Amino acid sequence: MSYAVNELEDAGFEILEQTEAWPVTRFSDVGAIVYYLKAIPWQISDFSVEKYWPVLQKVHQQIQRDGFVEVRGHYFFIVAQKR
């Protein structure tokens, strides 16, 4: 996030608010992962079930073994105003 804040400040913006989070999402079904990746294409721009079938099979096996798979994210929010 500091990179984005610095870029905004260098471009003449005043940072009014900023926050950052590292949420963990648990999936207990590989179908839910496929749905998520189809609904949010910027996560994996070239995603298709066919292309990622071997990986999805491994993820399915992990879910069968552990009951879930965790995906960690990093998000930030910045409110800026031009000076």
PDB file of N, CA and C in Angstrom:
ATOM      1  N   MET A   1       0.818  -1.176   0.000  1.00  0.00           N
ATOM      2  CA  MET A   1       0.000   0.000   0.000  1.00  0.00           C
ATOM      3  C   MET A   1       0.865   1.243   0.000  1.00  0.00           C
ATOM      4  N   SER A   2       2.008   1.194   0.628  1.00  0.00           N
ATOM      5  CA  SER A   2       2.857   2.387   0.708  1.00  0.00           C
ATOM      6  C   SER A   2       3.262   2.858  -0.690  1.00  0.00           C
ATOM      7  N   TYR A   3       3.451   1.922  -1.622  1.00  0.00           N
ATOM      8  CA  TYR A   3       3.792   2.302  -2.989  1.00  0.00           C
ATOM      9  C   TYR A   3       2.670   3.144  -3.601  1.00  0.00           C
ATOM     10  N   ALA A   4       1.432   2.700  -3.439  1.00  0.00           N
ATOM     11  CA  ALA A   4       0.284   3.427  -3.990  1.00  0.00           C
ATOM     12  C   ALA A   4       0.136   4.795  -3.327  1.00  0.00           C
ATOM     13  N   VAL A   5       0.327   4.857  -2.016  1.00  0.00           N
ATOM     14  CA  VAL A   5       0.252   6.137  -1.306  1.00  0.00           C
ATOM     15  C   VAL A   5       1.321   7.086  -1.829  1.00  0.00           C
ATOM     16  N   ASN A   6       2.545   6.600  -1.967  1.00  0.00           N
ATOM     17  CA  ASN A   6       3.632   7.448  -2.478  1.00  0.00           C
ATOM     18  C   ASN A   6       3.348   7.938  -3.885  1.00  0.00           C
ATOM     19  N   GLU A   7       2.836   7.065  -4.740  1.00  0.00           N
ATOM     20  CA  GLU A   7       2.512   7.460  -6.112  1.00  0.00           C
ATOM     21  C   GLU A   7       1.431   8.530  -6.136  1.00  0.00           C
ATOM     22  N   LEU A   8       0.411   8.384  -5.296  1.00  0.00           N
ATOM     23  CA  LEU A   8      -0.647   9.394  -5.231  1.00  0.00           C
ATOM     24  C   LEU A   8      -0.108  10.723  -4.718  1.00  0.00           C
ATOM     25  N   GLU A   9       0.698  10.676  -3.675  1.00  0.00           N
ATOM     26  CA  GLU A   9       1.273  11.917  -3.138  1.00  0.00           C
ATOM     27  C   GLU A   9       2.178  12.587  -4.174  1.00  0.00           C
ATOM     28  N   ASP A  10       2.975  11.797  -4.872  1.00  0.00           N
ATOM     29  CA  ASP A  10       3.850  12.347  -5.913  1.00  0.00           C
ATOM     30  C   ASP A  10       3.055  12.973  -7.053  1.00  0.00           C
ATOM     31  N   ALA A  11       1.831  12.491  -7.272  1.00  0.00           N
ATOM     32  CA  ALA A  11       0.970  13.026  -8.328  1.00  0.00           C
ATOM     33  C   ALA A  11       0.156  14.226  -7.848  1.00  0.00           C
ATOM     34  N   GLY A  12       0.389  14.654  -6.597  1.00  0.00           N
ATOM     35  CA  GLY A  12      -0.278  15.848  -6.091  1.00  0.00           C
ATOM     36  C   GLY A  12      -1.555  15.605  -5.304  1.00  0.00           C
ATOM     37  N   PHE A  13      -1.739  14.385  -4.838  1.00  0.00           N
ATOM     38  CA  PHE A  13      -2.921  14.080  -4.040  1.00  0.00           C
ATOM     39  C   PHE A  13      -2.594  14.127  -2.554  1.00  0.00           C
ATOM     40  N   GLU A  14      -3.592  14.529  -1.784  1.00  0.00           N
ATOM     41  CA  GLU A  14      -3.500  14.462  -0.320  1.00  0.00           C
ATOM     42  C   GLU A  14      -4.248  13.212   0.124  1.00  0.00           C
ATOM     43  N   ILE A  15      -3.613  12.408   0.949  1.00  0.00           N
ATOM     44  CA  ILE A  15      -4.230  11.178   1.449  1.00  0.00           C
ATOM     45  C   ILE A  15      -5.126  11.531   2.628  1.00  0.00           C
ATOM     46  N   LEU A  16      -6.411  11.259   2.492  1.00  0.00           N
ATOM     47  CA  LEU A  16      -7.373  11.572   3.541  1.00  0.00           C
ATOM     48  C   LEU A  16      -7.619  10.382   4.461  1.00  0.00           C
ATOM     49  N   GLU A  17      -7.545   9.199   3.891  1.00  0.00           N
ATOM     50  CA  GLU A  17      -7.795   7.987   4.676  1.00  0.00           C
ATOM     51  C   GLU A  17      -7.113   6.819   3.978  1.00  0.00           C
ATOM     52  N   GLN A  18      -6.636   5.874   4.778  1.00  0.00           N
ATOM     53  CA  GLN A  18      -6.051   4.664   4.215  1.00  0.00           C
ATOM     54  C   GLN A  18      -6.182   3.526   5.208  1.00  0.00           C
ATOM     55  N   THR A  19      -6.434   2.364   4.672  1.00  0.00           N
ATOM     56  CA  THR A  19      -6.518   1.181   5.515  1.00  0.00           C
ATOM     57  C   THR A  19      -6.123  -0.034   4.675  1.00  0.00           C
ATOM     58  N   GLU A  20      -5.780  -1.082   5.372  1.00  0.00           N
ATOM     59  CA  GLU A  20      -5.254  -2.262   4.720  1.00  0.00           C
ATOM     60  C   GLU A  20      -5.750  -3.499   5.465  1.00  0.00           C
ATOM     61  N   ALA A  21      -5.966  -4.590   4.720  1.00  0.00           N
ATOM     62  CA  ALA A  21      -6.434  -5.823   5.357  1.00  0.00           C
ATOM     63  C   ALA A  21      -5.839  -7.030   4.649  1.00  0.00           C
ATOM     64  N   TRP A  22      -5.685  -8.111   5.401  1.00  0.00           N
ATOM     65  CA  TRP A  22      -5.181  -9.386   4.891  1.00  0.00           C
ATOM     66  C   TRP A  22      -6.171 -10.484   5.267  1.00  0.00           C
ATOM     67  N   PRO A  23      -7.340 -10.506   4.633  1.00  0.00           N
ATOM     68  CA  PRO A  23      -8.345 -11.502   5.015  1.00  0.00           C
ATOM     69  C   PRO A  23      -7.981 -12.911   4.541  1.00  0.00           C
ATOM     70  N   VAL A  24      -8.519 -13.876   5.242  1.00  0.00           N
ATOM     71  CA  VAL A  24      -8.365 -15.280   4.874  1.00  0.00           C
ATOM     72  C   VAL A  24      -9.751 -15.799   4.506  1.00  0.00           C
ATOM     73  N   THR A  25      -9.862 -16.394   3.325  1.00  0.00           N
ATOM     74  CA  THR A  25     -11.118 -16.982   2.871  1.00  0.00           C
ATOM     75  C   THR A  25     -10.941 -18.489   2.836  1.00  0.00           C
ATOM     76  N   ARG A  26     -11.903 -19.193   3.406  1.00  0.00           N
ATOM     77  CA  ARG A  26     -11.873 -20.656   3.381  1.00  0.00           C
ATOM     78  C   ARG A  26     -12.900 -21.174   2.397  1.00  0.00           C
ATOM     79  N   PHE A  27     -12.454 -22.061   1.541  1.00  0.00           N
ATOM     80  CA  PHE A  27     -13.343 -22.742   0.605  1.00  0.00           C
ATOM     81  C   PHE A  27     -13.434 -24.198   1.023  1.00  0.00           C
ATOM     82  N   SER A  28     -14.660 -24.715   1.075  1.00  0.00           N
ATOM     83  CA  SER A  28     -14.850 -26.126   1.435  1.00  0.00           C
ATOM     84  C   SER A  28     -15.377 -26.933   0.256  1.00  0.00           C
ATOM     85  N   ASP A  29     -15.346 -26.341  -0.929  1.00  0.00           N
ATOM     86  CA  ASP A  29     -15.841 -27.009  -2.120  1.00  0.00           C
ATOM     87  C   ASP A  29     -15.105 -26.438  -3.323  1.00  0.00           C
ATOM     88  N   VAL A  30     -14.526 -27.277  -4.147  1.00  0.00           N
ATOM     89  CA  VAL A  30     -13.782 -26.804  -5.313  1.00  0.00           C
ATOM     90  C   VAL A  30     -14.720 -26.103  -6.303  1.00  0.00           C
ATOM     91  N   GLY A  31     -15.979 -26.486  -6.323  1.00  0.00           N
ATOM     92  CA  GLY A  31     -16.961 -25.808  -7.176  1.00  0.00           C
ATOM     93  C   GLY A  31     -17.117 -24.345  -6.798  1.00  0.00           C
ATOM     94  N   ALA A  32     -17.044 -24.045  -5.506  1.00  0.00           N
ATOM     95  CA  ALA A  32     -17.131 -22.656  -5.056  1.00  0.00           C
ATOM     96  C   ALA A  32     -15.921 -21.858  -5.530  1.00  0.00           C
ATOM     97  N   ILE A  33     -14.767 -22.493  -5.570  1.00  0.00           N
ATOM     98  CA  ILE A  33     -13.564 -21.826  -6.073  1.00  0.00           C
ATOM     99  C   ILE A  33     -13.725 -21.516  -7.553  1.00  0.00           C
ATOM    100  N   VAL A  34     -14.226 -22.472  -8.316  1.00  0.00           N
ATOM    101  CA  VAL A  34     -14.452 -22.259  -9.750  1.00  0.00           C
ATOM    102  C   VAL A  34     -15.443 -21.113  -9.955  1.00  0.00           C
ATOM    103  N   TYR A  35     -16.531 -21.116  -9.208  1.00  0.00           N
ATOM    104  CA  TYR A  35     -17.527 -20.046  -9.318  1.00  0.00           C
ATOM    105  C   TYR A  35     -16.895 -18.696  -9.010  1.00  0.00           C
ATOM    106  N   TYR A  36     -16.129 -18.636  -7.949  1.00  0.00           N
ATOM    107  CA  TYR A  36     -15.457 -17.399  -7.533  1.00  0.00           C
ATOM    108  C   TYR A  36     -14.525 -16.893  -8.641  1.00  0.00           C
ATOM    109  N   LEU A  37     -13.715 -17.781  -9.192  1.00  0.00           N
ATOM    110  CA  LEU A  37     -12.760 -17.367 -10.221  1.00  0.00           C
ATOM    111  C   LEU A  37     -13.449 -16.970 -11.522  1.00  0.00           C
ATOM    112  N   LYS A  38     -14.582 -17.556 -11.823  1.00  0.00           N
ATOM    113  CA  LYS A  38     -15.357 -17.146 -13.003  1.00  0.00           C
ATOM    114  C   LYS A  38     -16.020 -15.792 -12.768  1.00  0.00           C
ATOM    115  N   ALA A  39     -16.462 -15.539 -11.542  1.00  0.00           N
ATOM    116  CA  ALA A  39     -17.152 -14.288 -11.225  1.00  0.00           C
ATOM    117  C   ALA A  39     -16.195 -13.111 -11.075  1.00  0.00           C
ATOM    118  N   ILE A  40     -14.953 -13.397 -10.722  1.00  0.00           N
ATOM    119  CA  ILE A  40     -13.960 -12.350 -10.467  1.00  0.00           C
ATOM    120  C   ILE A  40     -12.748 -12.623 -11.348  1.00  0.00           C
ATOM    121  N   PRO A  41     -12.848 -12.316 -12.641  1.00  0.00           N
ATOM    122  CA  PRO A  41     -11.811 -12.730 -13.590  1.00  0.00           C
ATOM    123  C   PRO A  41     -10.453 -12.074 -13.414  1.00  0.00           C
ATOM    124  N   TRP A  42     -10.374 -10.979 -12.693  1.00  0.00           N
ATOM    125  CA  TRP A  42      -9.076 -10.337 -12.507  1.00  0.00           C
ATOM    126  C   TRP A  42      -8.177 -11.099 -11.529  1.00  0.00           C
ATOM    127  N   GLN A  43      -8.718 -12.056 -10.805  1.00  0.00           N
ATOM    128  CA  GLN A  43      -7.889 -12.853  -9.904  1.00  0.00           C
ATOM    129  C   GLN A  43      -6.919 -13.735 -10.696  1.00  0.00           C
ATOM    130  N   ILE A  44      -7.437 -14.427 -11.701  1.00  0.00           N
ATOM    131  CA  ILE A  44      -6.622 -15.235 -12.618  1.00  0.00           C
ATOM    132  C   ILE A  44      -7.202 -14.978 -14.005  1.00  0.00           C
ATOM    133  N   SER A  45      -6.564 -14.090 -14.751  1.00  0.00           N
ATOM    134  CA  SER A  45      -7.147 -13.599 -15.998  1.00  0.00           C
ATOM    135  C   SER A  45      -7.358 -14.690 -17.047  1.00  0.00           C
ATOM    136  N   ASP A  46      -6.555 -15.725 -17.038  1.00  0.00           N
ATOM    137  CA  ASP A  46      -6.695 -16.780 -18.047  1.00  0.00           C
ATOM    138  C   ASP A  46      -7.357 -18.042 -17.488  1.00  0.00           C
ATOM    139  N   PHE A  47      -8.129 -17.897 -16.414  1.00  0.00           N
ATOM    140  CA  PHE A  47      -8.705 -19.076 -15.762  1.00  0.00           C
ATOM    141  C   PHE A  47      -9.733 -19.762 -16.645  1.00  0.00           C
ATOM    142  N   SER A  48      -9.612 -21.071 -16.711  1.00  0.00           N
ATOM    143  CA  SER A  48     -10.652 -21.953 -17.250  1.00  0.00           C
ATOM    144  C   SER A  48     -10.499 -23.282 -16.522  1.00  0.00           C
ATOM    145  N   VAL A  49     -11.591 -23.982 -16.378  1.00  0.00           N
ATOM    146  CA  VAL A  49     -11.548 -25.277 -15.700  1.00  0.00           C
ATOM    147  C   VAL A  49     -10.605 -26.212 -16.440  1.00  0.00           C
ATOM    148  N   GLU A  50     -10.683 -26.199 -17.761  1.00  0.00           N
ATOM    149  CA  GLU A  50      -9.849 -27.101 -18.556  1.00  0.00           C
ATOM    150  C   GLU A  50      -8.360 -26.817 -18.341  1.00  0.00           C
ATOM    151  N   LYS A  51      -7.993 -25.555 -18.391  1.00  0.00           N
ATOM    152  CA  LYS A  51      -6.580 -25.187 -18.255  1.00  0.00           C
ATOM    153  C   LYS A  51      -6.028 -25.519 -16.866  1.00  0.00           C
ATOM    154  N   TYR A  52      -6.862 -25.321 -15.841  1.00  0.00           N
ATOM    155  CA  TYR A  52      -6.410 -25.501 -14.458  1.00  0.00           C
ATOM    156  C   TYR A  52      -6.884 -26.817 -13.844  1.00  0.00           C
ATOM    157  N   TRP A  53      -7.341 -27.750 -14.670  1.00  0.00           N
ATOM    158  CA  TRP A  53      -7.861 -29.018 -14.166  1.00  0.00           C
ATOM    159  C   TRP A  53      -6.893 -29.741 -13.224  1.00  0.00           C
ATOM    160  N   PRO A  54      -5.607 -29.884 -13.574  1.00  0.00           N
ATOM    161  CA  PRO A  54      -4.697 -30.579 -12.647  1.00  0.00           C
ATOM    162  C   PRO A  54      -4.594 -29.890 -11.282  1.00  0.00           C
ATOM    163  N   VAL A  55      -4.567 -28.580 -11.275  1.00  0.00           N
ATOM    164  CA  VAL A  55      -4.494 -27.827 -10.010  1.00  0.00           C
ATOM    165  C   VAL A  55      -5.790 -27.987  -9.234  1.00  0.00           C
ATOM    166  N   LEU A  56      -6.917 -27.906  -9.927  1.00  0.00           N
ATOM    167  CA  LEU A  56      -8.211 -28.066  -9.254  1.00  0.00           C
ATOM    168  C   LEU A  56      -8.343 -29.456  -8.639  1.00  0.00           C
ATOM    169  N   GLN A  57      -7.809 -30.461  -9.298  1.00  0.00           N
ATOM    170  CA  GLN A  57      -7.835 -31.812  -8.725  1.00  0.00           C
ATOM    171  C   GLN A  57      -7.032 -31.869  -7.427  1.00  0.00           C
ATOM    172  N   LYS A  58      -5.863 -31.228  -7.411  1.00  0.00           N
ATOM    173  CA  LYS A  58      -5.041 -31.201  -6.189  1.00  0.00           C
ATOM    174  C   LYS A  58      -5.746 -30.441  -5.074  1.00  0.00           C
ATOM    175  N   VAL A  59      -6.382 -29.330  -5.442  1.00  0.00           N
ATOM    176  CA  VAL A  59      -7.125 -28.555  -4.443  1.00  0.00           C
ATOM    177  C   VAL A  59      -8.285 -29.388  -3.899  1.00  0.00           C
ATOM    178  N   HIS A  60      -8.975 -30.105  -4.774  1.00  0.00           N
ATOM    179  CA  HIS A  60     -10.071 -30.974  -4.334  1.00  0.00           C
ATOM    180  C   HIS A  60      -9.568 -32.025  -3.347  1.00  0.00           C
ATOM    181  N   GLN A  61      -8.421 -32.620  -3.644  1.00  0.00           N
ATOM    182  CA  GLN A  61      -7.840 -33.613  -2.734  1.00  0.00           C
ATOM    183  C   GLN A  61      -7.505 -32.997  -1.378  1.00  0.00           C
ATOM    184  N   GLN A  62      -6.983 -31.775  -1.400  1.00  0.00           N
ATOM    185  CA  GLN A  62      -6.677 -31.100  -0.136  1.00  0.00           C
ATOM    186  C   GLN A  62      -7.953 -30.839   0.659  1.00  0.00           C
ATOM    187  N   ILE A  63      -9.014 -30.401  -0.035  1.00  0.00           N
ATOM    188  CA  ILE A  63     -10.289 -30.167   0.652  1.00  0.00           C
ATOM    189  C   ILE A  63     -10.829 -31.470   1.225  1.00  0.00           C
ATOM    190  N   GLN A  64     -10.725 -32.565   0.488  1.00  0.00           N
ATOM    191  CA  GLN A  64     -11.180 -33.862   0.985  1.00  0.00           C
ATOM    192  C   GLN A  64     -10.394 -34.277   2.233  1.00  0.00           C
ATOM    193  N   ARG A  65      -9.102 -33.985   2.227  1.00  0.00           N
ATOM    194  CA  ARG A  65      -8.236 -34.359   3.353  1.00  0.00           C
ATOM    195  C   ARG A  65      -8.434 -33.438   4.564  1.00  0.00           C
ATOM    196  N   ASP A  66      -8.440 -32.101   4.318  1.00  0.00           N
ATOM    197  CA  ASP A  66      -8.434 -31.136   5.421  1.00  0.00           C
ATOM    198  C   ASP A  66      -9.789 -30.499   5.714  1.00  0.00           C
ATOM    199  N   GLY A  67     -10.729 -30.646   4.788  1.00  0.00           N
ATOM    200  CA  GLY A  67     -12.051 -30.048   4.984  1.00  0.00           C
ATOM    201  C   GLY A  67     -12.187 -28.663   4.371  1.00  0.00           C
ATOM    202  N   PHE A  68     -11.091 -28.044   3.989  1.00  0.00           N
ATOM    203  CA  PHE A  68     -11.116 -26.705   3.397  1.00  0.00           C
ATOM    204  C   PHE A  68      -9.750 -26.389   2.810  1.00  0.00           C
ATOM    205  N   VAL A  69      -9.710 -25.309   2.051  1.00  0.00           N
ATOM    206  CA  VAL A  69      -8.458 -24.730   1.590  1.00  0.00           C
ATOM    207  C   VAL A  69      -8.554 -23.233   1.879  1.00  0.00           C
ATOM    208  N   GLU A  70      -7.468 -22.657   2.345  1.00  0.00           N
ATOM    209  CA  GLU A  70      -7.450 -21.228   2.673  1.00  0.00           C
ATOM    210  C   GLU A  70      -6.774 -20.437   1.567  1.00  0.00           C
ATOM    211  N   VAL A  71      -7.353 -19.280   1.291  1.00  0.00           N
ATOM    212  CA  VAL A  71      -6.790 -18.343   0.332  1.00  0.00           C
ATOM    213  C   VAL A  71      -6.590 -17.025   1.062  1.00  0.00           C
ATOM    214  N   ARG A  72      -5.360 -16.550   1.056  1.00  0.00           N
ATOM    215  CA  ARG A  72      -5.056 -15.298   1.744  1.00  0.00           C
ATOM    216  C   ARG A  72      -5.052 -14.158   0.736  1.00  0.00           C
ATOM    217  N   GLY A  73      -5.650 -13.050   1.132  1.00  0.00           N
ATOM    218  CA  GLY A  73      -5.734 -11.884   0.265  1.00  0.00           C
ATOM    219  C   GLY A  73      -5.028 -10.689   0.874  1.00  0.00           C
ATOM    220  N   HIS A  74      -4.848  -9.683   0.072  1.00  0.00           N
ATOM    221  CA  HIS A  74      -4.295  -8.411   0.539  1.00  0.00           C
ATOM    222  C   HIS A  74      -5.051  -7.311  -0.184  1.00  0.00           C
ATOM    223  N   TYR A  75      -5.743  -6.500   0.572  1.00  0.00           N
ATOM    224  CA  TYR A  75      -6.543  -5.425   0.017  1.00  0.00           C
ATOM    225  C   TYR A  75      -6.191  -4.127   0.708  1.00  0.00           C
ATOM    226  N   PHE A  76      -6.308  -3.044  -0.034  1.00  0.00           N
ATOM    227  CA  PHE A  76      -6.145  -1.747   0.607  1.00  0.00           C
ATOM    228  C   PHE A  76      -7.145  -0.768   0.029  1.00  0.00           C
ATOM    229  N   PHE A  77      -7.403   0.262   0.818  1.00  0.00           N
ATOM    230  CA  PHE A  77      -8.393   1.285   0.495  1.00  0.00           C
ATOM    231  C   PHE A  77      -7.747   2.631   0.769  1.00  0.00           C
ATOM    232  N   ILE A  78      -7.797   3.497  -0.219  1.00  0.00           N
ATOM    233  CA  ILE A  78      -7.215   4.827  -0.068  1.00  0.00           C
ATOM    234  C   ILE A  78      -8.226   5.869  -0.531  1.00  0.00           C
ATOM    235  N   VAL A  79      -8.429   6.874   0.275  1.00  0.00           N
ATOM    236  CA  VAL A  79      -9.230   8.025  -0.121  1.00  0.00           C
ATOM    237  C   VAL A  79      -8.240   9.179  -0.283  1.00  0.00           C
ATOM    238  N   ALA A  80      -8.239   9.764  -1.479  1.00  0.00           N
ATOM    239  CA  ALA A  80      -7.295  10.835  -1.776  1.00  0.00           C
ATOM    240  C   ALA A  80      -8.027  11.984  -2.462  1.00  0.00           C
ATOM    241  N   GLN A  81      -7.474  13.156  -2.276  1.00  0.00           N
ATOM    242  CA  GLN A  81      -8.066  14.358  -2.872  1.00  0.00           C
ATOM    243  C   GLN A  81      -6.971  15.169  -3.538  1.00  0.00           C
ATOM    244  N   LYS A  82      -7.247  15.643  -4.740  1.00  0.00           N
ATOM    245  CA  LYS A  82      -6.274  16.452  -5.464  1.00  0.00           C
ATOM    246  C   LYS A  82      -6.078  17.761  -4.707  1.00  0.00           C
ATOM    247  N   ARG A  83      -4.798  18.118  -4.517  1.00  0.00           N
ATOM    248  CA  ARG A  83      -4.481  19.371  -3.800  1.00  0.00           C
ATOM    249  C   ARG A  83      -4.800  20.574  -4.644  1.00  0.00           C
TER     250      ARG A  83
END
